[in-house]
Amino acid sequence: MATSSLAARWHALTAPLLLDAARREAEFARLAAAYDAPERHYHTLQHLENLLNRVGEHALQDPVVVELAIWFHDAVYNA
């Protein structure tokens, strides 16, 4: 999933939750930069893609909460 695909998924997920498009874009940029940092070896954009692609495989009670947890689960990385 390219960064543009991740961005589209982020915006579809968060648009109903955060009406300010500029804030949504800024938060996506912050998350994408964090997960794309050179010191990241596992918790990367590819890792996010892998997890997000698996969400649909499960009958989740609240998939929005699960997707948000995926996006933020390791946004701060202190290796």
N, C-alpha and C. Protein backbone atom coordinates (compact mmCIF):
# COMPACT_ATOMS: atom_id res chain seq x y z
N MET A 1 0.87 -1.18 0.00
CA MET A 1 0.00 0.00 0.00
C MET A 1 0.90 1.22 0.00
N ALA A 2 0.77 2.04 -0.98
CA ALA A 2 1.56 3.26 -1.06
C ALA A 2 1.08 4.25 -0.01
N THR A 3 1.92 5.24 0.26
CA THR A 3 1.55 6.26 1.24
C THR A 3 0.23 6.91 0.86
N SER A 4 -0.02 7.10 -0.43
CA SER A 4 -1.28 7.72 -0.85
C SER A 4 -2.47 6.83 -0.49
N SER A 5 -2.30 5.52 -0.57
CA SER A 5 -3.37 4.60 -0.17
C SER A 5 -3.59 4.64 1.33
N LEU A 6 -2.51 4.72 2.08
CA LEU A 6 -2.64 4.86 3.53
C LEU A 6 -3.32 6.17 3.87
N ALA A 7 -2.98 7.23 3.16
CA ALA A 7 -3.61 8.54 3.41
C ALA A 7 -5.10 8.46 3.14
N ALA A 8 -5.48 7.82 2.05
CA ALA A 8 -6.90 7.68 1.73
C ALA A 8 -7.63 6.90 2.82
N ARG A 9 -6.99 5.85 3.29
CA ARG A 9 -7.61 5.04 4.35
C ARG A 9 -7.73 5.85 5.64
N TRP A 10 -6.69 6.61 5.97
CA TRP A 10 -6.70 7.46 7.16
C TRP A 10 -7.85 8.48 7.07
N HIS A 11 -7.96 9.13 5.94
CA HIS A 11 -8.98 10.17 5.80
C HIS A 11 -10.38 9.57 5.82
N ALA A 12 -10.59 8.41 5.24
CA ALA A 12 -11.89 7.75 5.30
C ALA A 12 -12.25 7.37 6.73
N LEU A 13 -11.26 6.92 7.48
CA LEU A 13 -11.47 6.53 8.88
C LEU A 13 -11.77 7.73 9.76
N THR A 14 -11.01 8.80 9.58
CA THR A 14 -11.08 9.91 10.54
C THR A 14 -12.01 11.04 10.15
N ALA A 15 -12.46 11.10 8.90
CA ALA A 15 -13.35 12.20 8.48
C ALA A 15 -14.59 12.34 9.36
N PRO A 16 -15.25 11.24 9.74
CA PRO A 16 -16.42 11.39 10.61
C PRO A 16 -16.06 11.79 12.04
N LEU A 17 -14.80 11.59 12.41
CA LEU A 17 -14.38 11.84 13.79
C LEU A 17 -13.75 13.21 13.98
N LEU A 18 -13.13 13.72 12.94
CA LEU A 18 -12.43 15.00 12.99
C LEU A 18 -12.79 15.78 11.74
N LEU A 19 -13.65 16.77 11.91
CA LEU A 19 -14.19 17.48 10.75
C LEU A 19 -13.18 18.40 10.07
N ASP A 20 -12.18 18.85 10.79
CA ASP A 20 -11.18 19.77 10.26
C ASP A 20 -10.19 19.00 9.37
N ALA A 21 -10.33 19.15 8.07
CA ALA A 21 -9.49 18.41 7.11
C ALA A 21 -8.01 18.73 7.28
N ALA A 22 -7.68 19.97 7.61
CA ALA A 22 -6.28 20.34 7.79
C ALA A 22 -5.68 19.61 8.99
N ARG A 23 -6.45 19.46 10.05
CA ARG A 23 -5.95 18.72 11.22
C ARG A 23 -5.79 17.24 10.90
N ARG A 24 -6.74 16.69 10.12
CA ARG A 24 -6.60 15.28 9.71
C ARG A 24 -5.33 15.09 8.89
N GLU A 25 -5.09 16.00 7.95
CA GLU A 25 -3.90 15.90 7.10
C GLU A 25 -2.63 16.04 7.93
N ALA A 26 -2.62 16.98 8.86
CA ALA A 26 -1.44 17.19 9.71
C ALA A 26 -1.16 15.95 10.56
N GLU A 27 -2.20 15.35 11.10
CA GLU A 27 -2.01 14.15 11.92
C GLU A 27 -1.52 12.99 11.07
N PHE A 28 -2.05 12.85 9.86
CA PHE A 28 -1.56 11.80 8.98
C PHE A 28 -0.08 12.02 8.67
N ALA A 29 0.29 13.25 8.35
CA ALA A 29 1.69 13.56 8.03
C ALA A 29 2.59 13.22 9.21
N ARG A 30 2.14 13.54 10.43
CA ARG A 30 2.93 13.24 11.63
C ARG A 30 3.09 11.73 11.80
N LEU A 31 1.99 10.99 11.65
CA LEU A 31 2.06 9.54 11.80
C LEU A 31 2.91 8.91 10.70
N ALA A 32 2.72 9.33 9.46
CA ALA A 32 3.49 8.77 8.35
C ALA A 32 4.98 9.03 8.54
N ALA A 33 5.33 10.22 8.98
CA ALA A 33 6.74 10.54 9.23
C ALA A 33 7.31 9.68 10.35
N ALA A 34 6.52 9.47 11.39
CA ALA A 34 6.99 8.66 12.52
C ALA A 34 7.24 7.22 12.08
N TYR A 35 6.28 6.63 11.37
CA TYR A 35 6.41 5.23 10.95
C TYR A 35 7.41 5.05 9.82
N ASP A 36 7.79 6.14 9.15
CA ASP A 36 8.74 6.07 8.05
C ASP A 36 10.14 6.51 8.47
N ALA A 37 10.34 6.74 9.76
CA ALA A 37 11.65 7.20 10.25
C ALA A 37 12.72 6.14 9.97
N PRO A 38 13.94 6.57 9.67
CA PRO A 38 14.99 5.63 9.29
C PRO A 38 15.36 4.62 10.38
N GLU A 39 15.14 4.96 11.65
CA GLU A 39 15.49 4.03 12.73
C GLU A 39 14.44 2.94 12.93
N ARG A 40 13.33 3.04 12.21
CA ARG A 40 12.27 2.03 12.33
C ARG A 40 12.66 0.79 11.54
N HIS A 41 12.56 -0.35 12.21
CA HIS A 41 12.89 -1.60 11.53
C HIS A 41 11.70 -2.55 11.46
N TYR A 42 10.74 -2.38 12.37
CA TYR A 42 9.57 -3.25 12.37
C TYR A 42 8.28 -2.45 12.33
N HIS A 43 8.13 -1.47 13.19
CA HIS A 43 6.92 -0.64 13.23
C HIS A 43 7.04 0.45 12.17
N THR A 44 6.78 0.05 10.94
CA THR A 44 6.94 0.90 9.77
C THR A 44 5.60 1.08 9.06
N LEU A 45 5.60 1.85 7.98
CA LEU A 45 4.39 1.98 7.17
C LEU A 45 3.95 0.62 6.62
N GLN A 46 4.90 -0.22 6.29
CA GLN A 46 4.56 -1.57 5.81
C GLN A 46 3.86 -2.37 6.91
N HIS A 47 4.31 -2.23 8.13
CA HIS A 47 3.68 -2.89 9.28
C HIS A 47 2.24 -2.41 9.43
N LEU A 48 2.02 -1.10 9.32
CA LEU A 48 0.66 -0.56 9.39
C LEU A 48 -0.20 -1.17 8.28
N GLU A 49 0.33 -1.19 7.08
CA GLU A 49 -0.40 -1.77 5.95
C GLU A 49 -0.80 -3.21 6.24
N ASN A 50 0.15 -4.00 6.73
CA ASN A 50 -0.13 -5.40 7.02
C ASN A 50 -1.26 -5.55 8.03
N LEU A 51 -1.21 -4.77 9.09
CA LEU A 51 -2.26 -4.85 10.12
C LEU A 51 -3.61 -4.37 9.59
N LEU A 52 -3.61 -3.24 8.89
CA LEU A 52 -4.86 -2.70 8.36
C LEU A 52 -5.51 -3.65 7.37
N ASN A 53 -4.70 -4.35 6.61
CA ASN A 53 -5.24 -5.31 5.64
C ASN A 53 -5.90 -6.51 6.31
N ARG A 54 -5.58 -6.75 7.57
CA ARG A 54 -6.14 -7.90 8.29
C ARG A 54 -7.42 -7.56 9.04
N VAL A 55 -7.74 -6.28 9.18
CA VAL A 55 -8.92 -5.88 9.93
C VAL A 55 -10.18 -6.55 9.38
N GLY A 56 -10.32 -6.58 8.08
CA GLY A 56 -11.51 -7.15 7.46
C GLY A 56 -11.64 -8.65 7.61
N GLU A 57 -10.59 -9.32 8.07
CA GLU A 57 -10.63 -10.77 8.24
C GLU A 57 -11.35 -11.20 9.50
N HIS A 58 -11.69 -10.25 10.35
CA HIS A 58 -12.26 -10.57 11.65
C HIS A 58 -13.60 -9.88 11.84
N ALA A 59 -14.49 -10.54 12.54
CA ALA A 59 -15.79 -9.96 12.88
C ALA A 59 -15.59 -9.11 14.13
N LEU A 60 -15.27 -7.86 13.93
CA LEU A 60 -14.96 -6.98 15.05
C LEU A 60 -16.20 -6.24 15.51
N GLN A 61 -16.31 -6.08 16.81
CA GLN A 61 -17.44 -5.34 17.36
C GLN A 61 -17.34 -3.86 17.01
N ASP A 62 -16.12 -3.32 17.01
CA ASP A 62 -15.93 -1.90 16.70
C ASP A 62 -14.67 -1.73 15.84
N PRO A 63 -14.77 -1.95 14.54
CA PRO A 63 -13.59 -1.88 13.67
C PRO A 63 -12.95 -0.50 13.64
N VAL A 64 -13.71 0.56 13.86
CA VAL A 64 -13.13 1.91 13.87
C VAL A 64 -12.12 2.03 15.01
N VAL A 65 -12.49 1.55 16.19
CA VAL A 65 -11.59 1.61 17.34
C VAL A 65 -10.35 0.76 17.07
N VAL A 66 -10.52 -0.40 16.48
CA VAL A 66 -9.38 -1.26 16.17
C VAL A 66 -8.46 -0.57 15.17
N GLU A 67 -9.02 0.03 14.13
CA GLU A 67 -8.17 0.73 13.15
C GLU A 67 -7.43 1.89 13.79
N LEU A 68 -8.09 2.65 14.64
CA LEU A 68 -7.40 3.75 15.33
C LEU A 68 -6.27 3.21 16.20
N ALA A 69 -6.52 2.10 16.88
CA ALA A 69 -5.48 1.49 17.71
C ALA A 69 -4.29 1.07 16.85
N ILE A 70 -4.56 0.54 15.67
CA ILE A 70 -3.47 0.16 14.77
C ILE A 70 -2.64 1.38 14.39
N TRP A 71 -3.30 2.45 14.01
CA TRP A 71 -2.58 3.66 13.60
C TRP A 71 -1.69 4.21 14.71
N PHE A 72 -2.17 4.15 15.94
CA PHE A 72 -1.44 4.81 17.03
C PHE A 72 -0.65 3.84 17.91
N HIS A 73 -0.70 2.54 17.64
CA HIS A 73 -0.14 1.57 18.58
C HIS A 73 1.35 1.72 18.82
N ASP A 74 2.07 2.27 17.91
CA ASP A 74 3.50 2.47 18.15
C ASP A 74 3.97 3.75 17.46
N ALA A 75 3.14 4.77 17.55
CA ALA A 75 3.49 6.05 16.93
C ALA A 75 4.72 6.66 17.59
N VAL A 76 4.85 6.47 18.89
CA VAL A 76 6.04 6.93 19.61
C VAL A 76 6.92 5.71 19.79
N TYR A 77 8.11 5.80 19.28
CA TYR A 77 9.02 4.65 19.23
C TYR A 77 10.33 5.03 19.88
N ASN A 78 10.62 4.40 20.98
CA ASN A 78 11.88 4.63 21.68
C ASN A 78 12.66 3.33 21.71
N ALA A 79 13.47 3.12 20.71
CA ALA A 79 14.23 1.87 20.61
C ALA A 79 15.47 1.93 21.47
